[in-house]
Amino acid sequence: MKNFILGLGVAIFLIGLLTGAYYFGKNQNKASIEPTPAPAEYQNQAPTASQEKTSPIPTPRNSKDRVSENIKASINSKNYQALEGYMTDDVVLILYATECCGTVTKTKATAQMSYLEGSKGSWDFSEGSSVRAKLIQNNPQNFSQDMIVGISSDKYVTGFKLNSQNEIERIILVSDYTLISP
């Protein structure tokens, strides 16, 4: 008998709870939100020149310095997966002196970065490198001053072009920079 009364009490409580929730939810849907009227002093004013020209400009998620540091760390550690978060959805990938690849997904671009695993040397990303300057001079269609370029001590090269949102949009991989700049 005790179990019956306890069960009946729990059932009545649950029915009450569900009924209350239903009633509360139904009343929430009926509530209308009244728009707040604009103050009378601003209603008839024309937009100013600064208001007309202002358009939202997307702010980059990451700074160029942060992306550059992560690129350097990923190349040095050979953890190329970490770069996916800094890439556009589609990336132009060039494996120099091959017919690979063109525009690929960031996942495929990351997989192709294993091309650099053949490098056993240390990487130099300095902007003042003479090899970097020669690459830009001799191959301007693939290298530019605004790229992040890494050169390994065993002649591998990688270059990263960022878009206006500081996302990687282009990658070039070279197994021997003497193919471009002897």
Protein backbone atom coordinates (compact mmCIF):
# COMPACT_ATOMS: atom_id res chain seq x y z
CA MET A 1 0.00 0.00 0.00
CA LYS A 2 2.90 2.37 0.80
CA ASN A 3 4.39 1.80 -2.65
CA PHE A 4 1.05 2.52 -4.29
CA ILE A 5 0.63 5.84 -2.48
CA LEU A 6 4.24 6.80 -3.18
CA GLY A 7 3.85 5.93 -6.88
CA LEU A 8 0.57 7.85 -7.08
CA GLY A 9 2.20 10.88 -5.45
CA VAL A 10 5.12 10.82 -7.91
CA ALA A 11 2.72 10.44 -10.86
CA ILE A 12 0.60 13.42 -9.70
CA PHE A 13 3.77 15.49 -9.21
CA LEU A 14 5.04 14.64 -12.73
CA ILE A 15 1.66 15.41 -14.31
CA GLY A 16 1.61 18.75 -12.51
CA LEU A 17 5.15 19.52 -13.61
CA LEU A 18 4.42 18.65 -17.26
CA THR A 19 1.17 20.65 -17.21
CA GLY A 20 2.97 23.67 -15.78
CA ALA A 21 5.73 23.41 -18.37
CA TYR A 22 3.19 23.11 -21.19
CA TYR A 23 1.20 26.10 -19.92
CA PHE A 24 4.37 28.18 -19.46
CA GLY A 25 5.66 27.29 -22.94
CA LYS A 26 2.31 28.02 -24.57
CA ASN A 27 2.14 31.44 -22.93
CA GLN A 28 5.70 32.25 -23.99
CA ASN A 29 4.76 31.75 -27.64
CA LYS A 30 1.82 34.16 -27.29
CA ALA A 31 3.92 36.94 -25.82
CA SER A 32 4.73 39.44 -28.51
CA ILE A 33 7.72 41.67 -28.42
CA GLU A 34 6.83 45.25 -29.12
CA PRO A 35 9.48 47.09 -31.10
CA THR A 36 10.89 50.04 -29.25
CA PRO A 37 10.05 53.18 -31.19
CA ALA A 38 12.93 55.41 -32.14
CA PRO A 39 13.05 58.70 -30.31
CA ALA A 40 11.21 61.41 -32.25
CA GLU A 41 14.30 63.56 -32.59
CA TYR A 42 16.07 60.87 -34.69
CA GLN A 43 13.18 59.53 -36.78
CA ASN A 44 13.31 61.98 -39.66
CA GLN A 45 17.03 62.56 -39.90
CA ALA A 46 18.85 61.41 -43.03
CA PRO A 47 21.93 59.24 -42.52
CA THR A 48 25.18 61.14 -42.31
CA ALA A 49 27.97 60.60 -44.83
CA SER A 50 29.94 58.49 -42.35
CA GLN A 51 26.89 56.29 -41.72
CA GLU A 52 26.34 55.72 -45.45
CA LYS A 53 29.94 54.76 -46.18
CA THR A 54 30.36 52.47 -43.20
CA SER A 55 30.17 48.83 -44.11
CA PRO A 56 31.22 45.99 -41.90
CA ILE A 57 34.75 44.91 -42.70
CA PRO A 58 35.47 41.42 -41.44
CA THR A 59 38.17 41.33 -38.82
CA PRO A 60 40.79 38.62 -39.28
CA ARG A 61 40.48 35.79 -36.77
CA ASN A 62 44.25 35.68 -36.28
CA SER A 63 47.09 38.13 -36.65
CA LYS A 64 49.67 37.57 -39.36
CA ASP A 65 52.33 37.15 -36.66
CA ARG A 66 50.34 34.41 -34.93
CA VAL A 67 49.76 32.54 -38.19
CA SER A 68 53.42 32.92 -39.10
CA GLU A 69 54.56 31.53 -35.73
CA ASN A 70 52.21 28.56 -36.08
CA ILE A 71 53.44 27.85 -39.60
CA LYS A 72 57.05 27.87 -38.38
CA ALA A 73 56.23 25.60 -35.43
CA SER A 74 54.26 23.18 -37.64
CA ILE A 75 57.04 22.91 -40.22
CA ASN A 76 59.76 22.47 -37.58
CA SER A 77 57.77 19.83 -35.70
CA LYS A 78 56.38 18.19 -38.88
CA ASN A 79 52.89 18.52 -37.39
CA TYR A 80 51.19 19.67 -40.58
CA GLN A 81 47.66 18.90 -39.29
CA ALA A 82 47.95 21.97 -37.05
CA LEU A 83 47.93 24.16 -40.17
CA GLU A 84 44.41 23.15 -41.26
CA GLY A 85 42.84 25.59 -38.83
CA TYR A 86 44.72 28.43 -40.54
CA MET A 87 43.78 27.50 -44.13
CA THR A 88 40.94 28.57 -46.36
CA ASP A 89 38.56 25.75 -47.32
CA ASP A 90 40.25 25.45 -50.73
CA VAL A 91 44.00 25.99 -51.06
CA VAL A 92 46.16 26.39 -54.15
CA LEU A 93 48.95 23.85 -53.70
CA ILE A 94 52.02 23.68 -55.89
CA LEU A 95 54.59 20.90 -55.71
CA TYR A 96 57.31 22.57 -57.74
CA ALA A 97 58.56 20.68 -60.80
CA THR A 98 55.57 18.31 -60.71
CA GLU A 99 52.11 18.46 -62.20
CA CYS A 100 50.53 18.26 -58.77
CA CYS A 101 48.13 19.76 -57.47
CA GLY A 102 46.20 22.99 -58.11
CA THR A 103 43.23 23.91 -55.97
CA VAL A 104 42.62 21.27 -53.31
CA THR A 105 40.78 20.99 -50.02
CA LYS A 106 42.67 21.95 -46.89
CA THR A 107 42.64 18.29 -45.82
CA LYS A 108 44.38 17.23 -49.04
CA ALA A 109 46.81 20.16 -48.74
CA THR A 110 47.71 19.02 -45.25
CA ALA A 111 48.26 15.47 -46.48
CA GLN A 112 50.52 16.73 -49.29
CA MET A 113 52.67 18.58 -46.74
CA SER A 114 54.22 15.18 -45.98
CA TYR A 115 56.32 16.04 -49.05
CA LEU A 116 58.50 18.04 -46.63
CA GLU A 117 59.26 15.00 -44.46
CA GLY A 118 62.18 14.25 -46.77
CA SER A 119 63.91 17.30 -45.31
CA LYS A 120 66.27 16.42 -42.48
CA GLY A 121 67.70 19.91 -42.12
CA SER A 122 66.78 22.87 -39.95
CA TRP A 123 64.40 25.54 -41.23
CA ASP A 124 65.14 29.25 -41.67
CA PHE A 125 62.18 31.61 -42.07
CA SER A 126 64.10 34.89 -41.96
CA GLU A 127 62.95 37.57 -44.38
CA GLY A 128 66.52 38.73 -44.98
CA SER A 129 67.72 35.42 -46.42
CA SER A 130 69.62 35.76 -49.70
CA VAL A 131 68.10 32.49 -50.95
CA ARG A 132 64.60 33.89 -50.28
CA ALA A 133 65.47 37.06 -52.22
CA LYS A 134 66.73 34.98 -55.18
CA LEU A 135 63.58 32.83 -55.16
CA ILE A 136 61.37 35.94 -55.29
CA GLN A 137 63.51 37.48 -58.03
CA ASN A 138 63.78 34.33 -60.18
CA ASN A 139 60.22 33.01 -59.70
CA PRO A 140 57.82 35.91 -58.99
CA GLN A 141 54.81 33.88 -60.17
CA ASN A 142 55.24 31.57 -57.15
CA PHE A 143 57.10 33.68 -54.55
CA SER A 144 56.50 37.22 -53.31
CA GLN A 145 57.70 39.56 -50.56
CA ASP A 146 54.50 39.11 -48.55
CA MET A 147 54.84 35.32 -48.34
CA ILE A 148 56.07 33.34 -45.37
CA VAL A 149 59.00 31.39 -46.83
CA GLY A 150 60.97 28.68 -45.09
CA ILE A 151 64.25 27.30 -46.40
CA SER A 152 65.80 24.17 -44.96
CA SER A 153 69.52 23.61 -44.63
CA ASP A 154 69.15 20.70 -47.08
CA LYS A 155 67.60 22.96 -49.77
CA TYR A 156 63.87 22.26 -49.30
CA VAL A 157 61.61 25.33 -49.55
CA THR A 158 58.05 26.01 -48.49
CA GLY A 159 56.07 29.18 -49.06
CA PHE A 160 52.72 30.30 -47.65
CA LYS A 161 50.58 33.10 -49.06
CA LEU A 162 47.96 34.57 -46.71
CA ASN A 163 44.74 36.27 -47.76
CA SER A 164 43.34 39.48 -46.22
CA GLN A 165 41.91 37.43 -43.33
CA ASN A 166 45.37 35.99 -42.54
CA GLU A 167 44.35 32.53 -43.74
CA ILE A 168 46.64 30.35 -45.85
CA GLU A 169 45.34 30.44 -49.42
CA ARG A 170 48.42 29.23 -51.33
CA ILE A 171 51.26 26.82 -50.54
CA ILE A 172 54.33 26.00 -52.59
CA LEU A 173 56.64 23.09 -51.78
CA VAL A 174 60.06 22.69 -53.40
CA SER A 175 62.44 19.78 -52.84
CA ASP A 176 65.56 21.66 -54.01
CA TYR A 177 65.71 25.44 -54.37
CA THR A 178 68.55 25.15 -56.91
CA LEU A 179 65.84 24.12 -59.39
CA ILE A 180 64.67 27.74 -59.23
CA SER A 181 67.69 29.70 -58.12
CA PRO A 182 71.07 28.06 -58.72
